[in-house]
């Protein structure tokens, strides 16, 4: 008897890391629900996957949108086995005292509140589905432990993701819900394209940084996703070997 395909939901799945992970999960026999705010982008990813994919547009920072997203997943597939909390954004680099409240809120509402709302909705479904349980993987960052200068909103949101990961992992034990985090450094996507030309360093100089092929990140997420629920990678770091890391120096 052929094993049931597991159901995965990838937020921010229309580009970059989310797109790479969605495609890699599909190749590993997951049915992939691709979600994001840009409907055309997520449809293109779902079309690239084929019959074992669905595109559902949603804004993870909006509670009603997240509720609708998970209601549609439940109605179409009956369950969710994997949530990859990947949707994220950043504000333009600026000294801490020059960051506007609107910029702060935009980053925190997407990176942190969005991950919380999706985690909460997934948790509720995973607790009650049959069989119960599932896995949540949060996209952290090197910035979850070591900040870049002029990136206070992003850094704070990613530090908070680490706390959310730990809390979810703790509370998930009772319900066979595993939670882990992948901290990524300089994956080669459109968002990191400028790094090859130069990016701000800890001493406020501007120097180029190496990047790493995004497929290595996707492969790492697939590894975490395919583990039995009895095993969990709580934290994993995938980074360009020669990028600045500890102390960002």
Protein backbone atom coordinates (compact mmCIF):
# COMPACT_ATOMS: atom_id res chain seq x y z
CA UNK A 1 0.00 0.00 0.00
CA UNK A 2 1.42 3.36 -1.05
CA UNK A 3 2.05 5.81 1.79
CA UNK A 4 -0.18 8.86 2.03
CA UNK A 5 1.39 12.05 0.77
CA UNK A 6 1.85 14.47 3.64
CA UNK A 7 0.36 17.95 3.41
CA UNK A 8 2.77 20.89 3.69
CA UNK A 9 1.96 24.60 3.87
CA UNK A 10 4.67 27.08 2.86
CA UNK A 11 4.12 30.75 3.65
CA UNK A 12 5.87 33.34 1.51
CA UNK A 13 6.07 30.59 -1.07
CA UNK A 14 6.03 32.70 -4.21
CA UNK A 15 9.73 33.53 -4.35
CA UNK A 16 13.15 33.04 -2.82
CA UNK A 17 13.55 30.52 -0.02
CA UNK A 18 9.82 29.76 0.08
CA UNK A 19 9.71 28.88 -3.60
CA UNK A 20 12.82 26.69 -3.37
CA UNK A 21 11.45 24.85 -0.34
CA UNK A 22 8.02 24.34 -1.91
CA UNK A 23 9.58 22.78 -5.02
CA UNK A 24 11.91 20.60 -2.93
CA UNK A 25 9.08 19.35 -0.71
CA UNK A 26 7.02 18.45 -3.77
CA UNK A 27 9.94 16.38 -5.13
CA UNK A 28 9.97 14.59 -1.76
CA UNK A 29 6.34 13.47 -2.13
CA UNK A 30 4.61 16.22 -0.15
CA UNK A 31 1.43 17.84 -1.34
CA UNK A 32 2.35 21.52 -1.10
CA UNK A 33 0.03 24.42 -0.37
CA UNK A 34 1.80 27.59 -1.47
CA UNK A 35 0.61 30.80 0.13
CA UNK A 36 1.56 34.46 -0.03
CA UNK A 37 0.17 37.89 -0.77
CA UNK A 38 1.12 37.89 -4.46
CA UNK A 39 -1.38 35.61 -6.14
CA UNK A 40 0.35 35.37 -9.52
CA UNK A 41 3.65 34.35 -7.94
CA UNK A 42 2.19 31.57 -5.80
CA UNK A 43 0.13 30.29 -8.74
CA UNK A 44 3.28 30.03 -10.83
CA UNK A 45 4.98 27.95 -8.14
CA UNK A 46 1.95 25.68 -7.79
CA UNK A 47 1.80 25.26 -11.56
CA UNK A 48 5.50 24.35 -11.61
CA UNK A 49 4.79 21.60 -9.08
CA UNK A 50 1.71 20.25 -10.84
CA UNK A 51 -1.17 18.20 -9.53
CA UNK A 52 0.18 17.84 -6.00
CA UNK A 53 0.02 21.57 -5.22
CA UNK A 54 -2.47 24.30 -4.43
CA UNK A 55 -2.10 28.08 -4.31
CA UNK A 56 -4.07 30.01 -1.69
CA UNK A 57 -3.42 33.72 -1.31
CA UNK A 58 -3.22 35.07 2.24
CA UNK A 59 -1.70 37.84 4.33
CA UNK A 60 -0.13 36.16 7.35
CA UNK A 61 -0.24 39.36 9.39
CA UNK A 62 -4.06 39.44 9.17
CA UNK A 63 -5.96 37.13 11.53
CA UNK A 64 -9.02 36.74 9.31
CA UNK A 65 -6.84 35.95 6.30
CA UNK A 66 -4.95 33.28 8.25
CA UNK A 67 -8.21 31.78 9.53
CA UNK A 68 -9.54 31.60 5.98
CA UNK A 69 -6.29 30.03 4.76
CA UNK A 70 -6.39 27.21 7.28
CA UNK A 71 -10.12 26.67 6.80
CA UNK A 72 -9.43 26.15 3.10
CA UNK A 73 -6.56 23.77 3.82
CA UNK A 74 -8.74 21.75 6.18
CA UNK A 75 -11.65 21.68 3.72
CA UNK A 76 -9.47 20.59 0.79
CA UNK A 77 -7.05 18.19 2.49
CA UNK A 78 -8.51 17.43 5.92
CA UNK A 79 -5.22 17.94 7.74
CA UNK A 80 -1.78 19.57 7.76
CA UNK A 81 1.45 17.69 8.43
CA UNK A 82 3.98 20.49 7.98
CA UNK A 83 3.95 24.25 8.32
CA UNK A 84 7.00 26.16 7.08
CA UNK A 85 6.74 29.66 8.56
CA UNK A 86 8.78 31.46 5.93
CA UNK A 87 6.99 34.73 5.14
CA UNK A 88 9.13 37.69 6.11
CA UNK A 89 10.06 41.26 5.35
CA UNK A 90 12.52 43.93 6.41
CA UNK A 91 12.67 47.70 6.67
CA UNK A 92 15.23 49.83 4.82
CA UNK A 93 18.50 49.88 6.81
CA UNK A 94 18.55 52.82 9.22
CA UNK A 95 19.99 53.75 12.62
CA UNK A 96 17.73 52.63 15.44
CA UNK A 97 16.72 56.19 16.38
CA UNK A 98 15.58 56.93 12.83
CA UNK A 99 13.28 53.94 12.37
CA UNK A 100 9.63 54.94 12.11
CA UNK A 101 6.91 53.22 14.09
CA UNK A 102 5.24 52.24 10.80
CA UNK A 103 8.43 50.49 9.67
CA UNK A 104 8.75 48.70 13.00
CA UNK A 105 5.14 47.52 12.93
CA UNK A 106 5.35 46.33 9.33
CA UNK A 107 8.31 44.06 10.08
CA UNK A 108 7.05 42.75 13.41
CA UNK A 109 3.52 42.11 12.15
CA UNK A 110 4.76 40.00 9.24
CA UNK A 111 7.79 38.27 10.73
CA UNK A 112 6.52 37.64 14.26
CA UNK A 113 2.75 38.09 14.42
CA UNK A 114 2.37 36.29 11.09
CA UNK A 115 4.39 33.33 12.32
CA UNK A 116 2.41 33.28 15.56
CA UNK A 117 -0.98 33.35 13.81
CA UNK A 118 0.00 30.53 11.43
CA UNK A 119 1.53 28.51 14.27
CA UNK A 120 -1.62 28.95 16.35
CA UNK A 121 -3.89 27.87 13.49
CA UNK A 122 -1.66 24.90 12.63
CA UNK A 123 -1.48 23.89 16.29
CA UNK A 124 -5.27 23.84 16.57
CA UNK A 125 -5.62 21.67 13.48
CA UNK A 126 -2.75 19.34 14.34
CA UNK A 127 -4.19 18.69 17.81
CA UNK A 128 -7.58 17.63 16.50
CA UNK A 129 -6.85 15.88 13.20
CA UNK A 130 -6.65 12.10 12.91
CA UNK A 131 -4.00 10.95 13.40
CA UNK A 132 -2.96 13.96 15.46
CA UNK A 133 0.41 15.69 15.34
CA UNK A 134 2.59 17.45 12.83
CA UNK A 135 5.68 19.58 12.41
CA UNK A 136 6.28 23.33 12.35
CA UNK A 137 9.53 24.74 10.97
CA UNK A 138 10.27 28.43 11.50
CA UNK A 139 12.54 30.40 9.20
CA UNK A 140 14.84 32.17 11.61
CA UNK A 141 18.06 33.87 10.57
CA UNK A 142 21.63 34.45 11.65
CA UNK A 143 19.99 37.66 12.93
CA UNK A 144 18.12 35.52 15.47
CA UNK A 145 21.39 35.46 17.41
CA UNK A 146 23.76 38.02 15.86
CA UNK A 147 22.45 41.38 14.62
CA UNK A 148 23.44 43.39 11.62
CA UNK A 149 23.77 47.13 12.16
CA UNK A 150 20.80 49.31 11.21
CA UNK A 151 18.43 46.33 11.19
CA UNK A 152 16.76 46.63 14.61
CA UNK A 153 13.19 45.67 13.58
CA UNK A 154 14.33 42.59 11.65
CA UNK A 155 16.76 41.54 14.39
CA UNK A 156 14.16 41.92 17.14
CA UNK A 157 11.57 39.96 15.17
CA UNK A 158 13.98 37.10 14.50
CA UNK A 159 15.15 36.95 18.12
CA UNK A 160 11.47 36.65 19.01
CA UNK A 161 11.01 33.81 16.52
CA UNK A 162 13.53 31.83 18.57
CA UNK A 163 11.32 32.28 21.62
CA UNK A 164 8.26 31.22 19.63
CA UNK A 165 10.12 28.12 18.43
CA UNK A 166 11.05 27.12 21.96
CA UNK A 167 7.55 27.75 23.32
CA UNK A 168 5.90 25.81 20.49
CA UNK A 169 8.32 22.92 20.89
CA UNK A 170 7.58 22.75 24.61
CA UNK A 171 3.79 22.95 24.32
CA UNK A 172 3.71 20.64 21.31
CA UNK A 173 5.12 17.64 23.16
CA UNK A 174 1.74 16.58 24.54
CA UNK A 175 0.18 16.51 21.07
CA UNK A 176 3.00 15.04 18.93
CA UNK A 177 3.69 18.46 17.43
CA UNK A 178 7.38 19.00 16.75
CA UNK A 179 8.80 22.47 16.17
CA UNK A 180 12.23 23.47 14.91
CA UNK A 181 13.98 26.46 13.41
CA UNK A 182 16.38 26.92 10.51
CA UNK A 183 18.68 29.93 10.76
CA UNK A 184 19.85 30.95 7.32
CA UNK A 185 22.84 33.05 6.39
CA UNK A 186 23.12 34.63 2.95
CA UNK A 187 21.05 32.26 0.80
CA UNK A 188 21.35 33.40 -2.81
CA UNK A 189 17.94 34.95 -3.53
CA UNK A 190 16.71 38.25 -4.93
CA UNK A 191 16.67 39.61 -1.37
CA UNK A 192 20.40 38.98 -0.92
CA UNK A 193 21.47 39.93 -4.42
CA UNK A 194 23.10 43.16 -3.26
CA UNK A 195 25.45 41.32 -0.92
CA UNK A 196 27.81 40.44 -3.74
CA UNK A 197 28.23 44.19 -4.39
CA UNK A 198 28.55 45.13 -0.73
CA UNK A 199 26.57 45.24 2.48
CA UNK A 200 26.92 47.02 5.82
CA UNK A 201 29.32 45.44 8.30
CA UNK A 202 29.57 45.64 12.08
CA UNK A 203 32.11 48.50 11.82
CA UNK A 204 29.73 50.33 9.41
CA UNK A 205 32.02 49.72 6.45
CA UNK A 206 30.49 48.28 3.28
CA UNK A 207 31.98 45.06 1.95
CA UNK A 208 30.75 42.20 -0.25
CA UNK A 209 29.72 38.93 1.37
CA UNK A 210 29.58 35.41 -0.07
CA UNK A 211 26.24 33.68 -0.57
CA UNK A 212 25.18 30.05 -0.67
CA UNK A 213 22.92 28.35 -3.22
CA UNK A 214 19.34 28.35 -1.94
CA UNK A 215 18.98 24.67 -2.84
CA UNK A 216 21.11 23.80 0.19
CA UNK A 217 18.59 25.56 2.41
CA UNK A 218 15.73 23.73 0.71
CA UNK A 219 17.50 20.40 1.17
CA UNK A 220 17.96 21.16 4.88
CA UNK A 221 14.28 21.98 5.35
CA UNK A 222 13.32 18.75 3.58
CA UNK A 223 15.60 16.81 5.92
CA UNK A 224 13.93 18.38 8.96
CA UNK A 225 10.48 17.83 7.44
CA UNK A 226 10.98 14.14 6.71
CA UNK A 227 12.02 13.13 10.21
CA UNK A 228 9.54 11.01 12.15
CA UNK A 229 7.75 13.00 14.85
CA UNK A 230 9.79 11.11 17.45
CA UNK A 231 12.84 13.11 16.29
CA UNK A 232 13.30 16.84 15.93
CA UNK A 233 15.96 19.29 14.80
CA UNK A 234 15.35 22.12 17.24
CA UNK A 235 17.84 24.51 15.63
CA UNK A 236 19.90 24.28 12.45
CA UNK A 237 22.13 26.91 10.83
CA UNK A 238 22.82 26.88 7.09
CA UNK A 239 25.16 29.63 5.97
CA UNK A 240 27.80 30.65 3.49
CA UNK A 241 31.01 29.28 5.00
CA UNK A 242 33.01 32.49 4.68
CA UNK A 243 30.35 35.04 5.63
CA UNK A 244 30.81 37.12 8.79
CA UNK A 245 28.95 35.49 11.66
CA UNK A 246 29.93 35.62 15.35
CA UNK A 247 29.82 39.29 16.26
CA UNK A 248 29.29 39.95 12.54
CA UNK A 249 32.98 40.83 12.33
